């Protein structure tokens, strides 16, 4: 039960921080028309790796999806690392689960947009 509470609290905390510092600043910058190449790295990854067509994508929806996915990834990694075990095993598990969850989750975002026909 403690692990589930830790997962939920981590997810909510990271989601709020991500919304405040990344999503809101990016929306303000886009509203002002400032396009100086300061896209969030997640969007750059989706564009370069999966050829996401930004002309068809609702940018605000993409920001929300990315914030939820990133928060979920961090919450999963924190929950796995906090399982009592050897310190070195926790570091290795954290690294592997971090890389794996990021790659898997952004591939699922790609499949979502591919199904909607928003891939070049």
Protein backbone atom coordinates (compact mmCIF):
# COMPACT_ATOMS: atom_id res chain seq x y z
CA UNK A 1 0.00 0.00 0.00
CA UNK A 2 2.88 2.38 0.75
CA UNK A 3 4.33 1.77 -2.69
CA UNK A 4 1.05 2.70 -4.36
CA UNK A 5 0.77 5.90 -2.31
CA UNK A 6 4.37 6.75 -3.20
CA UNK A 7 3.60 6.13 -6.89
CA UNK A 8 0.50 8.35 -6.87
CA UNK A 9 2.14 11.17 -4.92
CA UNK A 10 5.22 11.10 -7.14
CA UNK A 11 3.06 11.14 -10.26
CA UNK A 12 1.00 14.12 -9.04
CA UNK A 13 4.05 16.05 -7.83
CA UNK A 14 6.03 15.55 -11.04
CA UNK A 15 2.98 16.34 -13.18
CA UNK A 16 2.44 19.65 -11.36
CA UNK A 17 6.11 20.60 -11.65
CA UNK A 18 6.16 19.65 -15.33
CA UNK A 19 2.98 21.65 -16.02
CA UNK A 20 4.36 24.74 -14.27
CA UNK A 21 7.89 24.78 -15.62
CA UNK A 22 7.63 23.21 -19.07
CA UNK A 23 4.10 23.25 -20.44
CA UNK A 24 3.03 26.72 -19.33
CA UNK A 25 6.31 28.33 -20.47
CA UNK A 26 6.11 26.60 -23.83
CA UNK A 27 2.49 27.69 -24.32
CA UNK A 28 3.37 31.30 -23.47
CA UNK A 29 6.30 31.24 -25.86
CA UNK A 30 4.13 29.83 -28.65
CA UNK A 31 1.37 32.38 -27.94
CA UNK A 32 3.86 35.24 -28.28
CA UNK A 33 5.10 33.79 -31.55
CA UNK A 34 8.62 33.21 -30.28
CA UNK A 35 9.91 30.25 -32.22
CA UNK A 36 13.61 30.32 -31.47
CA UNK A 37 14.12 26.57 -31.46
CA UNK A 38 13.37 26.05 -27.78
CA UNK A 39 11.09 23.07 -28.18
CA UNK A 40 10.90 20.60 -25.31
CA UNK A 41 13.35 17.77 -25.92
CA UNK A 42 10.52 15.24 -25.96
CA UNK A 43 8.92 16.95 -28.96
CA UNK A 44 12.27 17.16 -30.75
CA UNK A 45 12.73 13.42 -30.13
CA UNK A 46 9.29 12.58 -31.55
CA UNK A 47 9.88 14.76 -34.62
CA UNK A 48 13.36 13.41 -35.38
CA UNK A 49 12.83 9.75 -34.48
CA UNK A 50 9.26 9.18 -35.67
CA UNK A 51 8.73 12.00 -38.22
CA UNK A 52 5.82 13.55 -36.33
CA UNK A 53 3.98 16.00 -38.57
CA UNK A 54 3.65 19.14 -36.45
CA UNK A 55 1.30 20.77 -38.97
CA UNK A 56 -1.38 18.17 -38.20
CA UNK A 57 -0.75 17.80 -34.46
CA UNK A 58 -2.60 19.86 -31.87
CA UNK A 59 0.40 21.32 -30.04
CA UNK A 60 -1.37 21.82 -26.70
CA UNK A 61 -2.64 18.23 -26.73
CA UNK A 62 0.87 16.99 -27.49
CA UNK A 63 2.25 18.98 -24.53
CA UNK A 64 -0.36 17.46 -22.22
CA UNK A 65 0.34 13.94 -23.45
CA UNK A 66 4.07 14.43 -22.99
CA UNK A 67 3.63 15.80 -19.47
CA UNK A 68 1.49 12.81 -18.45
CA UNK A 69 3.85 10.30 -20.07
CA UNK A 70 6.96 11.85 -18.52
CA UNK A 71 5.33 12.00 -15.09
CA UNK A 72 4.28 8.38 -15.37
CA UNK A 73 7.80 7.35 -16.37
CA UNK A 74 9.36 9.12 -13.40
CA UNK A 75 6.78 7.72 -10.98
CA UNK A 76 7.43 4.17 -12.22
CA UNK A 77 11.18 4.55 -11.88
CA UNK A 78 10.93 6.06 -8.39
CA UNK A 79 8.59 3.28 -7.29
CA UNK A 80 10.93 0.58 -8.59
CA UNK A 81 14.01 2.11 -7.02
CA UNK A 82 12.36 2.55 -3.64
CA UNK A 83 11.79 -1.20 -3.26
CA UNK A 84 14.17 -2.19 -0.47
CA UNK A 85 17.22 -3.91 -1.95
CA UNK A 86 20.94 -3.58 -2.46
CA UNK A 87 22.12 -0.04 -3.29
CA UNK A 88 23.98 -1.04 -6.45
CA UNK A 89 21.07 -3.11 -7.64
CA UNK A 90 18.78 -0.13 -7.11
CA UNK A 91 21.07 2.09 -9.21
CA UNK A 92 21.24 -0.45 -12.04
CA UNK A 93 17.49 -1.09 -11.89
CA UNK A 94 16.81 2.65 -11.88
CA UNK A 95 19.00 3.26 -14.91
CA UNK A 96 17.62 0.35 -16.93
CA UNK A 97 14.00 1.08 -16.03
CA UNK A 98 14.45 4.78 -16.76
CA UNK A 99 15.81 4.22 -20.26
CA UNK A 100 13.36 1.41 -20.97
CA UNK A 101 10.28 3.26 -19.78
CA UNK A 102 11.18 6.39 -21.74
CA UNK A 103 11.74 4.47 -24.96
CA UNK A 104 8.59 2.39 -24.51
CA UNK A 105 6.34 5.29 -23.54
CA UNK A 106 7.40 7.52 -26.43
CA UNK A 107 6.98 4.61 -28.81
CA UNK A 108 3.40 4.30 -27.52
CA UNK A 109 2.91 8.04 -28.16
CA UNK A 110 4.19 7.44 -31.69
CA UNK A 111 1.72 4.58 -32.18
CA UNK A 112 -1.08 6.84 -30.93
CA UNK A 113 -0.24 9.54 -33.47
CA UNK A 114 0.40 6.98 -36.21
CA UNK A 115 -3.10 5.60 -35.69
CA UNK A 116 -4.48 9.13 -36.02
CA UNK A 117 -2.51 9.60 -39.27
CA UNK A 118 -0.23 12.37 -38.03
CA UNK A 119 3.09 10.82 -39.05
CA UNK A 120 4.81 11.99 -42.27
